[in-house]
Amino acid sequence: MSQLRQGVQLSSGLVANFDFLDSKWQTGDQHQRQVIAANELKRLIAQLANQVEGIFRLSPATREKLLADTLMEMLLRGLKHMVASELLPAEHMHPTFAHELQHWQQTLNLPITRFGRLEVDNQGEHYIQRRSCCMHYKRADGGYCQGCPNAPLSK
C-alpha cells in the first residue's frame, strides 16, 4: 500500500482511480485473502486520515461509515456483474450480498451500525442506502446520489 498513487484531475477537481505500482500476488482461499485485504484497507484508511488531519476533521465514526458504504457499493457492483455474466442467479443476489457483507464486517471489525442497507428501487434495480454522504451534491455539477442520506426524499 505504500506504493499507492491516486489520480487527481486538477481542472475538474475529480479524485479517482488508485494505481498500485508493484503488487505481490497473494495466495490462499477467499477468506485468507480477505483478511489480507482488510488489513491493507485499515492501514490505507489510517494513512489517509493522518494526511487530512491538518486540513479537516474526519471522525473515526465517519471514516468507518465511508468505508462501509464504499465496501457495500463495490460488493454490489461485483454481484451485479456476476448476475449480468450469468455467474450468479439474480434471486441469489440479496442472500449472497448479506453473506459476503457479514464476512467483511467481521474481518474489518466494523460495528454493524456503520453499514447502510441494500435496497431495490421502483425499476427493480439494487442500490445501497448509504450511512455517509460523499457530498457530490455540493459540487457545481453534482446532485444527490441514489441512496444519499442527505437527499430530501431518503429520510
C-alpha atoms as a PDB file:
ATOM      1  CA  MET A   1       0.000   0.000   0.000  1.00  0.00           C
ATOM      2  CA  SER A   2       2.960   2.324   0.442  1.00  0.00           C
ATOM      3  CA  GLN A   3       3.214   2.414  -3.361  1.00  0.00           C
ATOM      4  CA  LEU A   4      -0.381   3.632  -3.750  1.00  0.00           C
ATOM      5  CA  ARG A   5      -0.992   6.599  -6.040  1.00  0.00           C
ATOM      6  CA  GLN A   6      -4.273   8.367  -6.613  1.00  0.00           C
ATOM      7  CA  GLY A   7      -5.141  10.326  -9.729  1.00  0.00           C
ATOM      8  CA  VAL A   8      -6.344  13.926  -9.443  1.00  0.00           C
ATOM      9  CA  GLN A   9      -7.729  15.886 -12.384  1.00  0.00           C
ATOM     10  CA  LEU A  10      -6.820  19.442 -11.433  1.00  0.00           C
ATOM     11  CA  SER A  11      -9.153  21.026 -13.989  1.00  0.00           C
ATOM     12  CA  SER A  12     -12.280  19.367 -12.579  1.00  0.00           C
ATOM     13  CA  GLY A  13     -11.209  18.543  -9.034  1.00  0.00           C
ATOM     14  CA  LEU A  14     -12.093  14.893  -9.604  1.00  0.00           C
ATOM     15  CA  VAL A  15     -10.176  12.474  -7.434  1.00  0.00           C
ATOM     16  CA  ALA A  16     -10.384   8.934  -8.714  1.00  0.00           C
ATOM     17  CA  ASN A  17      -8.526   5.765  -9.581  1.00  0.00           C
ATOM     18  CA  PHE A  18      -5.926   4.121  -7.450  1.00  0.00           C
ATOM     19  CA  ASP A  19      -2.729   2.809  -9.008  1.00  0.00           C
ATOM     20  CA  PHE A  20      -0.542   0.257  -7.319  1.00  0.00           C
ATOM     21  CA  LEU A  21       2.975   0.337  -8.747  1.00  0.00           C
ATOM     22  CA  ASP A  22       4.182  -3.044  -7.563  1.00  0.00           C
ATOM     23  CA  SER A  23       1.931  -5.828  -6.422  1.00  0.00           C
ATOM     24  CA  LYS A  24       2.682  -9.029  -4.624  1.00  0.00           C
ATOM     25  CA  TRP A  25       0.199 -11.703  -5.567  1.00  0.00           C
ATOM     26  CA  GLN A  26      -1.479 -13.221  -2.530  1.00  0.00           C
ATOM     27  CA  THR A  27      -2.271 -16.881  -2.157  1.00  0.00           C
ATOM     28  CA  GLY A  28      -4.836 -18.655  -0.024  1.00  0.00           C
ATOM     29  CA  ASP A  29      -8.560 -19.171  -0.078  1.00  0.00           C
ATOM     30  CA  GLN A  30     -11.081 -16.344  -0.307  1.00  0.00           C
ATOM     31  CA  HIS A  31     -11.250 -15.769   3.444  1.00  0.00           C
ATOM     32  CA  GLN A  32      -7.472 -15.757   3.885  1.00  0.00           C
ATOM     33  CA  ARG A  33      -7.125 -13.183   1.108  1.00  0.00           C
ATOM     34  CA  GLN A  34      -9.987 -11.204   2.613  1.00  0.00           C
ATOM     35  CA  VAL A  35      -8.083 -10.888   5.906  1.00  0.00           C
ATOM     36  CA  ILE A  36      -5.054  -9.592   3.989  1.00  0.00           C
ATOM     37  CA  ALA A  37      -7.218  -7.109   2.068  1.00  0.00           C
ATOM     38  CA  ALA A  38      -8.953  -5.937   5.253  1.00  0.00           C
ATOM     39  CA  ASN A  39      -5.623  -5.310   6.958  1.00  0.00           C
ATOM     40  CA  GLU A  40      -4.410  -3.344   3.934  1.00  0.00           C
ATOM     41  CA  LEU A  41      -7.626  -1.310   3.854  1.00  0.00           C
ATOM     42  CA  LYS A  42      -7.337  -0.478   7.556  1.00  0.00           C
ATOM     43  CA  ARG A  43      -3.747   0.640   7.040  1.00  0.00           C
ATOM     44  CA  LEU A  44      -4.728   2.734   3.999  1.00  0.00           C
ATOM     45  CA  ILE A  45      -7.616   4.413   5.829  1.00  0.00           C
ATOM     46  CA  ALA A  46      -5.338   5.246   8.778  1.00  0.00           C
ATOM     47  CA  GLN A  47      -2.728   6.751   6.427  1.00  0.00           C
ATOM     48  CA  LEU A  48      -5.329   8.821   4.577  1.00  0.00           C
ATOM     49  CA  ALA A  49      -6.830  10.011   7.873  1.00  0.00           C
ATOM     50  CA  ASN A  50      -3.392  11.147   9.039  1.00  0.00           C
ATOM     51  CA  GLN A  51      -2.866  13.051   5.791  1.00  0.00           C
ATOM     52  CA  VAL A  52      -6.121  15.003   6.017  1.00  0.00           C
ATOM     53  CA  GLU A  53      -5.944  15.584   9.772  1.00  0.00           C
ATOM     54  CA  GLY A  54      -4.400  19.045   9.410  1.00  0.00           C
ATOM     55  CA  ILE A  55      -6.942  20.095   6.792  1.00  0.00           C
ATOM     56  CA  PHE A  56     -10.272  18.945   8.245  1.00  0.00           C
ATOM     57  CA  ARG A  57     -11.654  16.738  10.969  1.00  0.00           C
ATOM     58  CA  LEU A  58     -12.872  13.306   9.977  1.00  0.00           C
ATOM     59  CA  SER A  59     -14.123  11.377  12.971  1.00  0.00           C
ATOM     60  CA  PRO A  60     -13.427   7.647  13.316  1.00  0.00           C
ATOM     61  CA  ALA A  61     -17.183   7.006  13.035  1.00  0.00           C
ATOM     62  CA  THR A  62     -17.371   8.917   9.744  1.00  0.00           C
ATOM     63  CA  ARG A  63     -14.324   7.059   8.402  1.00  0.00           C
ATOM     64  CA  GLU A  64     -15.972   3.766   9.308  1.00  0.00           C
ATOM     65  CA  LYS A  65     -19.246   4.768   7.624  1.00  0.00           C
ATOM     66  CA  LEU A  66     -17.429   5.865   4.460  1.00  0.00           C
ATOM     67  CA  LEU A  67     -15.508   2.584   4.389  1.00  0.00           C
ATOM     68  CA  ALA A  68     -18.668   0.545   4.996  1.00  0.00           C
ATOM     69  CA  ASP A  69     -20.626   2.399   2.295  1.00  0.00           C
ATOM     70  CA  THR A  70     -17.815   2.060  -0.235  1.00  0.00           C
ATOM     71  CA  LEU A  71     -17.397  -1.610   0.589  1.00  0.00           C
ATOM     72  CA  MET A  72     -21.114  -2.212   0.123  1.00  0.00           C
ATOM     73  CA  GLU A  73     -21.146  -0.386  -3.205  1.00  0.00           C
ATOM     74  CA  MET A  74     -18.165  -2.347  -4.524  1.00  0.00           C
ATOM     75  CA  LEU A  75     -19.666  -5.632  -3.344  1.00  0.00           C
ATOM     76  CA  LEU A  76     -22.949  -4.768  -5.048  1.00  0.00           C
ATOM     77  CA  ARG A  77     -21.127  -3.764  -8.240  1.00  0.00           C
ATOM     78  CA  GLY A  78     -19.326  -7.108  -8.305  1.00  0.00           C
ATOM     79  CA  LEU A  79     -22.515  -9.081  -7.699  1.00  0.00           C
ATOM     80  CA  LYS A  80     -24.384  -7.143 -10.406  1.00  0.00           C
ATOM     81  CA  HIS A  81     -21.585  -8.061 -12.802  1.00  0.00           C
ATOM     82  CA  MET A  82     -21.860 -11.707 -11.755  1.00  0.00           C
ATOM     83  CA  VAL A  83     -25.622 -11.655 -12.392  1.00  0.00           C
ATOM     84  CA  ALA A  84     -25.144  -9.942 -15.783  1.00  0.00           C
ATOM     85  CA  SER A  85     -22.486 -12.525 -16.686  1.00  0.00           C
ATOM     86  CA  GLU A  86     -24.801 -15.345 -15.578  1.00  0.00           C
ATOM     87  CA  LEU A  87     -22.341 -16.435 -12.892  1.00  0.00           C
ATOM     88  CA  LEU A  88     -24.922 -15.817 -10.159  1.00  0.00           C
ATOM     89  CA  PRO A  89     -28.702 -16.249 -10.417  1.00  0.00           C
ATOM     90  CA  ALA A  90     -30.485 -12.937  -9.821  1.00  0.00           C
ATOM     91  CA  GLU A  91     -32.517 -14.415  -6.977  1.00  0.00           C
ATOM     92  CA  HIS A  92     -29.254 -15.148  -5.115  1.00  0.00           C
ATOM     93  CA  MET A  93     -28.137 -11.502  -5.189  1.00  0.00           C
ATOM     94  CA  HIS A  94     -29.565 -10.476  -1.813  1.00  0.00           C
ATOM     95  CA  PRO A  95     -28.537 -13.568   0.221  1.00  0.00           C
ATOM     96  CA  THR A  96     -25.053 -13.563  -1.342  1.00  0.00           C
ATOM     97  CA  PHE A  97     -24.698  -9.860  -0.602  1.00  0.00           C
ATOM     98  CA  ALA A  98     -25.714 -10.384   3.043  1.00  0.00           C
ATOM     99  CA  HIS A  99     -23.363 -13.359   3.443  1.00  0.00           C
ATOM    100  CA  GLU A 100     -20.334 -11.623   1.944  1.00  0.00           C
ATOM    101  CA  LEU A 101     -21.038  -8.371   3.769  1.00  0.00           C
ATOM    102  CA  GLN A 102     -21.110 -10.214   7.090  1.00  0.00           C
ATOM    103  CA  HIS A 103     -17.632 -11.607   6.385  1.00  0.00           C
ATOM    104  CA  TRP A 104     -16.304  -8.136   5.534  1.00  0.00           C
ATOM    105  CA  GLN A 105     -17.950  -6.566   8.584  1.00  0.00           C
ATOM    106  CA  GLN A 106     -16.304  -9.140  10.831  1.00  0.00           C
ATOM    107  CA  THR A 107     -12.944  -9.037   9.061  1.00  0.00           C
ATOM    108  CA  LEU A 108     -12.793  -5.233   9.215  1.00  0.00           C
ATOM    109  CA  ASN A 109     -14.147  -5.278  12.775  1.00  0.00           C
ATOM    110  CA  LEU A 110     -16.690  -2.568  11.944  1.00  0.00           C
ATOM    111  CA  PRO A 111     -19.822  -2.051  14.050  1.00  0.00           C
ATOM    112  CA  ILE A 112     -22.914  -3.188  12.165  1.00  0.00           C
ATOM    113  CA  THR A 113     -24.409   0.279  12.792  1.00  0.00           C
ATOM    114  CA  ARG A 114     -21.859   1.744  10.352  1.00  0.00           C
ATOM    115  CA  PHE A 115     -23.466  -0.091   7.423  1.00  0.00           C
ATOM    116  CA  GLY A 116     -26.335   1.106   5.289  1.00  0.00           C
ATOM    117  CA  ARG A 117     -28.633  -1.375   3.634  1.00  0.00           C
ATOM    118  CA  LEU A 118     -29.331  -2.952   0.275  1.00  0.00           C
ATOM    119  CA  GLU A 119     -32.479  -1.514  -1.310  1.00  0.00           C
ATOM    120  CA  VAL A 120     -34.411  -2.037  -4.542  1.00  0.00           C
ATOM    121  CA  ASP A 121     -35.856   0.916  -6.476  1.00  0.00           C
ATOM    122  CA  ASN A 122     -39.131   1.077  -8.455  1.00  0.00           C
ATOM    123  CA  GLN A 123     -37.444  -0.406 -11.536  1.00  0.00           C
ATOM    124  CA  GLY A 124     -36.101  -3.392  -9.588  1.00  0.00           C
ATOM    125  CA  GLU A 125     -32.542  -2.029  -9.523  1.00  0.00           C
ATOM    126  CA  HIS A 126     -30.498  -2.743  -6.398  1.00  0.00           C
ATOM    127  CA  TYR A 127     -28.718   0.167  -4.723  1.00  0.00           C
ATOM    128  CA  ILE A 128     -27.115   0.996  -1.378  1.00  0.00           C
ATOM    129  CA  GLN A 129     -28.913   3.238   1.093  1.00  0.00           C
ATOM    130  CA  ARG A 130     -25.771   4.871   2.455  1.00  0.00           C
ATOM    131  CA  ARG A 131     -24.946   5.847   6.044  1.00  0.00           C
ATOM    132  CA  SER A 132     -22.493   8.563   4.963  1.00  0.00           C
ATOM    133  CA  CYS A 133     -22.634  11.301   2.384  1.00  0.00           C
ATOM    134  CA  CYS A 134     -19.953  11.722  -0.284  1.00  0.00           C
ATOM    135  CA  MET A 135     -21.098  15.357  -0.718  1.00  0.00           C
ATOM    136  CA  HIS A 136     -21.146  15.107  -4.507  1.00  0.00           C
ATOM    137  CA  TYR A 137     -24.286  17.259  -4.433  1.00  0.00           C
ATOM    138  CA  LYS A 138     -22.189  20.227  -3.249  1.00  0.00           C
ATOM    139  CA  ARG A 139     -20.215  20.318  -6.497  1.00  0.00           C
ATOM    140  CA  ALA A 140     -21.366  22.727  -9.187  1.00  0.00           C
ATOM    141  CA  ASP A 141     -22.104  19.780 -11.497  1.00  0.00           C
ATOM    142  CA  GLY A 142     -23.251  17.464  -8.713  1.00  0.00           C
ATOM    143  CA  GLY A 143     -26.502  16.076  -7.495  1.00  0.00           C
ATOM    144  CA  TYR A 144     -27.685  13.686  -4.826  1.00  0.00           C
ATOM    145  CA  CYS A 145     -26.520  10.117  -5.313  1.00  0.00           C
ATOM    146  CA  GLN A 146     -29.061   7.323  -5.231  1.00  0.00           C
ATOM    147  CA  GLY A 147     -29.211   6.274  -1.589  1.00  0.00           C
ATOM    148  CA  CYS A 148     -27.767   9.558  -0.275  1.00  0.00           C
ATOM    149  CA  PRO A 149     -28.632  10.020   3.406  1.00  0.00           C
ATOM    150  CA  ASN A 150     -28.862  13.800   2.823  1.00  0.00           C
ATOM    151  CA  ALA A 151     -31.268  13.609  -0.113  1.00  0.00           C
ATOM    152  CA  PRO A 152     -34.602  15.218   0.809  1.00  0.00           C
ATOM    153  CA  LEU A 153     -36.653  12.088   0.000  1.00  0.00           C
ATOM    154  CA  SER A 154     -34.328   9.468   1.520  1.00  0.00           C
ATOM    155  CA  LYS A 155     -35.155  10.322   5.139  1.00  0.00           C
END
